[in-house]
Amino acid sequence: QKQFDQQIFEKQKAFDQQLFANEKIFKQKLLASDQVLAEKDQRERELDQTLLAKEQLLFEKDLFLLKKDQQLHQLREKQTETSALLQSKEAILSAKDSLVASKDDIIRDLQEQLDHLRKSHVAQVIERKDGEISSMKTQLECLSTQLKHLNTAYLALNPFPKGTHLKWQKCKDMKNGMSCARTVLIRGRVYVGGGDTEDGYDTEYLIHEYHPIQEKWSTLPPAPVCWFGMG
């Protein structure tokens, strides 16, 4: 019996040792599994961060493309405006050249007629030609005035052409003097608004337009809001 108990005790001891060893192995495997899961979670977090960074880059790319499209649209609009201004400038230059040619022709005709009158020494012819010369001078003055207007319009569309010497020129006065008003130049016309008159009457709602070719001031419909001291 004592030997049998000793065998049972040894078997129980061996079983406990085996159980302890198995439990230690199980804990090691569990710890390794937890480490694997932790590494997996870390990789998933890194992957999420990578995806988030890619989405941010895609968003910035779309934003950049949108800004680029807007800039291209603005550039096309500016090119259209520039083309229109160039066409207007070419038309004005063509009209100016025509007027200059007409002026030269009239001066040449006048000179030829004057030379003819000096050679003829006929008083009646001179009296008759005086009227014609006076009429031609009137036409020449009209052409000079038109040329002046075209020059004013040309300078309004191209105020600083290359090689041009700028100078001040007095225009027609307004009906009433104004102070503290705002003045802008748009497509060859001058617009003045706001401020007040020199006699103190309130004119903040009024807008005046000056036409350089016609040398004429006109009053536009009042503005919906008033302003003062805008420079």
Protein backbone atom coordinates (compact mmCIF):
# COMPACT_ATOMS: atom_id res chain seq x y z
CA GLN A 1 0.00 0.00 0.00
CA LYS A 2 2.77 2.41 0.82
CA GLN A 3 4.43 1.70 -2.50
CA PHE A 4 1.13 2.23 -4.31
CA ASP A 5 0.63 5.56 -2.56
CA GLN A 6 4.16 6.54 -3.53
CA GLN A 7 3.40 5.76 -7.18
CA ILE A 8 0.20 7.78 -7.06
CA PHE A 9 2.04 10.67 -5.45
CA GLU A 10 4.71 10.59 -8.13
CA LYS A 11 2.11 10.38 -10.88
CA GLN A 12 0.20 13.31 -9.33
CA LYS A 13 3.43 15.27 -9.04
CA ALA A 14 4.31 14.52 -12.69
CA PHE A 15 0.78 15.52 -13.75
CA ASP A 16 1.02 18.83 -11.84
CA GLN A 17 4.41 19.53 -13.39
CA GLN A 18 3.03 18.76 -16.84
CA LEU A 19 -0.04 20.96 -16.13
CA PHE A 20 2.22 23.79 -14.95
CA ALA A 21 4.38 23.43 -18.03
CA ASN A 22 1.30 23.40 -20.28
CA GLU A 23 -0.09 26.46 -18.49
CA LYS A 24 3.25 28.27 -18.93
CA ILE A 25 3.29 27.37 -22.64
CA PHE A 26 -0.33 28.54 -22.98
CA LYS A 27 0.49 31.88 -21.34
CA GLN A 28 3.49 32.32 -23.62
CA LYS A 29 1.33 31.58 -26.66
CA LEU A 30 -1.36 33.97 -25.36
CA LEU A 31 1.25 36.68 -24.82
CA ALA A 32 2.63 36.10 -28.32
CA SER A 33 -0.92 36.25 -29.71
CA ASP A 34 -1.50 39.56 -27.90
CA GLN A 35 1.73 40.93 -29.37
CA VAL A 36 0.64 39.81 -32.84
CA LEU A 37 -2.74 41.51 -32.35
CA ALA A 38 -1.01 44.67 -31.07
CA GLU A 39 1.27 44.71 -34.12
CA LYS A 40 -1.75 44.16 -36.33
CA ASP A 41 -3.57 47.06 -34.68
CA GLN A 42 -0.45 49.22 -35.11
CA ARG A 43 -0.29 48.32 -38.82
CA GLU A 44 -3.99 49.10 -39.20
CA ARG A 45 -3.52 52.48 -37.52
CA GLU A 46 -0.55 53.22 -39.80
CA LEU A 47 -2.64 52.15 -42.79
CA ASP A 48 -5.49 54.45 -41.67
CA GLN A 49 -3.02 57.33 -41.31
CA THR A 50 -1.65 56.58 -44.77
CA LEU A 51 -5.15 56.54 -46.25
CA LEU A 52 -5.98 59.78 -44.44
CA ALA A 53 -2.82 61.39 -45.82
CA LYS A 54 -3.72 60.20 -49.33
CA GLU A 55 -7.23 61.65 -48.98
CA GLN A 56 -5.71 64.95 -47.81
CA LEU A 57 -3.39 64.97 -50.83
CA LEU A 58 -6.31 64.24 -53.17
CA PHE A 59 -8.33 67.07 -51.58
CA GLU A 60 -5.42 69.50 -51.96
CA LYS A 61 -4.99 68.35 -55.56
CA ASP A 62 -8.69 68.97 -56.32
CA LEU A 63 -8.46 72.39 -54.65
CA PHE A 64 -5.38 73.26 -56.72
CA LEU A 65 -7.13 72.18 -59.94
CA LEU A 66 -10.18 74.26 -59.01
CA LYS A 67 -8.03 77.36 -58.43
CA LYS A 68 -6.22 76.71 -61.69
CA ASP A 69 -9.54 76.48 -63.57
CA GLN A 70 -10.64 79.78 -62.00
CA GLN A 71 -7.38 81.45 -63.03
CA LEU A 72 -7.77 80.13 -66.59
CA HIS A 73 -11.33 81.47 -66.71
CA GLN A 74 -10.18 84.91 -65.51
CA LEU A 75 -7.34 84.84 -68.04
CA ARG A 76 -9.79 84.08 -70.88
CA GLU A 77 -12.01 86.97 -69.77
CA LYS A 78 -9.02 89.34 -69.73
CA GLN A 79 -7.97 88.14 -73.18
CA THR A 80 -11.49 88.82 -74.49
CA GLU A 81 -11.46 92.35 -73.02
CA THR A 82 -7.98 92.97 -74.43
CA SER A 83 -9.12 91.83 -77.90
CA ALA A 84 -12.10 94.19 -77.77
CA LEU A 85 -9.87 97.10 -76.72
CA LEU A 86 -7.39 96.32 -79.50
CA GLN A 87 -10.19 96.27 -82.08
CA SER A 88 -11.50 99.62 -80.83
CA LYS A 89 -7.97 101.04 -80.89
CA GLU A 90 -7.41 99.83 -84.46
CA ALA A 91 -10.69 101.40 -85.58
CA ILE A 92 -9.74 104.73 -83.97
CA LEU A 93 -6.27 104.63 -85.53
CA SER A 94 -7.78 103.89 -88.94
CA ALA A 95 -10.18 106.82 -88.61
CA LYS A 96 -7.33 109.01 -87.41
CA ASP A 97 -5.19 108.07 -90.43
CA SER A 98 -8.12 108.84 -92.75
CA LEU A 99 -8.58 112.27 -91.18
CA VAL A 100 -4.87 113.02 -91.39
CA ALA A 101 -4.86 112.02 -95.06
CA SER A 102 -7.92 114.21 -95.73
CA LYS A 103 -6.23 117.09 -93.90
CA ASP A 104 -3.08 116.70 -96.02
CA ASP A 105 -5.16 116.58 -99.21
CA ILE A 106 -7.03 119.77 -98.25
CA ILE A 107 -3.78 121.56 -97.38
CA ARG A 108 -2.28 120.46 -100.68
CA ASP A 109 -5.33 121.65 -102.60
CA LEU A 110 -5.27 124.97 -100.77
CA GLN A 111 -1.60 125.44 -101.54
CA GLU A 112 -2.13 124.62 -105.21
CA GLN A 113 -5.07 127.01 -105.44
CA LEU A 114 -3.11 129.76 -103.70
CA ASP A 115 -0.20 129.25 -106.09
CA HIS A 116 -2.61 129.40 -109.01
CA LEU A 117 -4.17 132.61 -107.69
CA ARG A 118 -0.75 134.21 -107.24
CA LYS A 119 0.14 133.40 -110.83
CA SER A 120 -3.17 134.53 -112.35
CA HIS A 121 -3.24 138.02 -110.75
CA VAL A 122 -6.97 138.25 -111.45
CA ALA A 123 -8.89 140.12 -108.73
CA GLN A 124 -12.24 138.53 -109.54
CA VAL A 125 -10.79 135.06 -109.34
CA ILE A 126 -9.14 135.98 -106.07
CA GLU A 127 -12.45 137.20 -104.60
CA ARG A 128 -14.24 134.06 -105.74
CA LYS A 129 -11.48 131.82 -104.43
CA ASP A 130 -11.42 133.63 -101.10
CA GLY A 131 -14.86 132.23 -100.36
CA GLU A 132 -13.76 128.76 -101.35
CA ILE A 133 -10.62 129.07 -99.23
CA SER A 134 -12.69 130.25 -96.28
CA SER A 135 -15.01 127.26 -96.72
CA MET A 136 -12.05 124.92 -96.94
CA LYS A 137 -10.53 126.49 -93.84
CA THR A 138 -13.80 125.86 -92.04
CA GLN A 139 -13.69 122.24 -93.20
CA LEU A 140 -10.07 122.06 -92.10
CA GLU A 141 -11.01 123.37 -88.66
CA CYS A 142 -13.81 120.78 -88.43
CA LEU A 143 -11.40 118.03 -89.43
CA SER A 144 -8.89 119.30 -86.86
CA THR A 145 -11.61 119.23 -84.20
CA GLN A 146 -12.57 115.69 -85.17
CA LEU A 147 -8.91 114.69 -85.11
CA LYS A 148 -8.62 116.20 -81.64
CA HIS A 149 -11.66 114.20 -80.50
CA LEU A 150 -10.23 111.00 -81.97
CA ASN A 151 -6.93 111.66 -80.22
CA THR A 152 -8.82 112.15 -76.96
CA ALA A 153 -10.72 108.87 -77.46
CA TYR A 154 -7.52 107.07 -78.42
CA LEU A 155 -5.75 108.32 -75.30
CA ALA A 156 -8.77 107.29 -73.23
CA LEU A 157 -8.46 103.70 -74.52
CA ASN A 158 -4.67 103.74 -74.41
CA PRO A 159 -3.70 106.46 -71.91
CA PHE A 160 0.01 105.62 -71.86
CA PRO A 161 1.15 104.50 -75.37
CA LYS A 162 4.83 103.80 -75.75
CA GLY A 163 6.85 106.88 -76.70
CA THR A 164 4.01 109.33 -75.93
CA HIS A 165 4.79 112.51 -73.98
CA LEU A 166 1.89 113.00 -71.57
CA LYS A 167 0.50 116.45 -70.81
CA TRP A 168 -2.47 117.97 -69.00
CA GLN A 169 -5.41 119.36 -70.98
CA LYS A 170 -8.29 121.40 -69.62
CA CYS A 171 -11.73 119.94 -70.41
CA LYS A 172 -15.13 121.55 -70.32
CA ASP A 173 -16.19 122.66 -66.82
CA MET A 174 -19.00 120.95 -64.90
CA LYS A 175 -22.18 122.85 -64.19
CA ASN A 176 -21.34 122.97 -60.47
CA GLY A 177 -17.97 122.54 -58.77
CA MET A 178 -17.63 119.48 -56.50
CA SER A 179 -15.37 118.46 -53.64
CA CYS A 180 -14.63 115.14 -51.85
CA ALA A 181 -16.05 113.26 -54.87
CA ARG A 182 -14.86 110.00 -56.42
CA THR A 183 -13.64 110.00 -60.06
CA VAL A 184 -13.07 106.95 -62.27
CA LEU A 185 -12.23 106.39 -65.97
CA ILE A 186 -14.19 103.58 -67.66
CA ARG A 187 -13.91 102.85 -71.41
CA GLY A 188 -12.95 106.38 -72.33
CA ARG A 189 -15.52 108.22 -70.20
CA VAL A 190 -15.08 110.00 -66.89
CA TYR A 191 -17.53 109.38 -64.03
CA VAL A 192 -17.72 111.68 -61.00
CA GLY A 193 -20.00 111.01 -58.03
CA GLY A 194 -20.50 111.67 -54.34
CA GLY A 195 -19.09 114.60 -52.37
CA ASP A 196 -20.79 117.97 -52.32
CA THR A 197 -20.85 121.18 -54.37
CA GLU A 198 -18.84 124.28 -53.61
CA ASP A 199 -21.96 126.12 -52.44
CA GLY A 200 -22.70 123.41 -49.84
CA TYR A 201 -25.63 121.62 -51.49
CA ASP A 202 -25.76 117.91 -50.81
CA THR A 203 -24.94 115.82 -53.91
CA GLU A 204 -23.85 112.49 -52.48
CA TYR A 205 -26.43 110.66 -54.62
CA LEU A 206 -25.59 112.32 -57.95
CA ILE A 207 -23.35 110.80 -60.65
CA HIS A 208 -21.98 112.84 -63.60
CA GLU A 209 -20.57 111.50 -66.85
CA TYR A 210 -18.12 113.31 -69.15
CA HIS A 211 -17.87 112.33 -72.84
CA PRO A 212 -14.38 113.41 -74.14
CA ILE A 213 -15.33 113.19 -77.82
CA GLN A 214 -18.50 115.27 -77.48
CA GLU A 215 -16.95 117.42 -74.71
CA LYS A 216 -20.23 117.17 -72.86
CA TRP A 217 -21.24 116.58 -69.23
CA SER A 218 -24.45 114.66 -68.44
CA THR A 219 -26.16 113.72 -65.17
CA LEU A 220 -26.95 110.02 -64.68
CA PRO A 221 -29.74 108.57 -62.49
CA PRO A 222 -28.98 108.99 -58.76
CA ALA A 223 -27.11 106.23 -56.98
CA PRO A 224 -29.08 103.94 -54.59
CA VAL A 225 -26.71 104.86 -51.75
CA CYS A 226 -24.69 107.99 -51.00
CA TRP A 227 -21.01 108.34 -50.24
CA PHE A 228 -18.69 111.14 -49.17
CA GLY A 229 -14.95 111.67 -48.92
CA MET A 230 -14.04 108.65 -51.08
CA GLY A 231 -11.17 110.56 -52.75
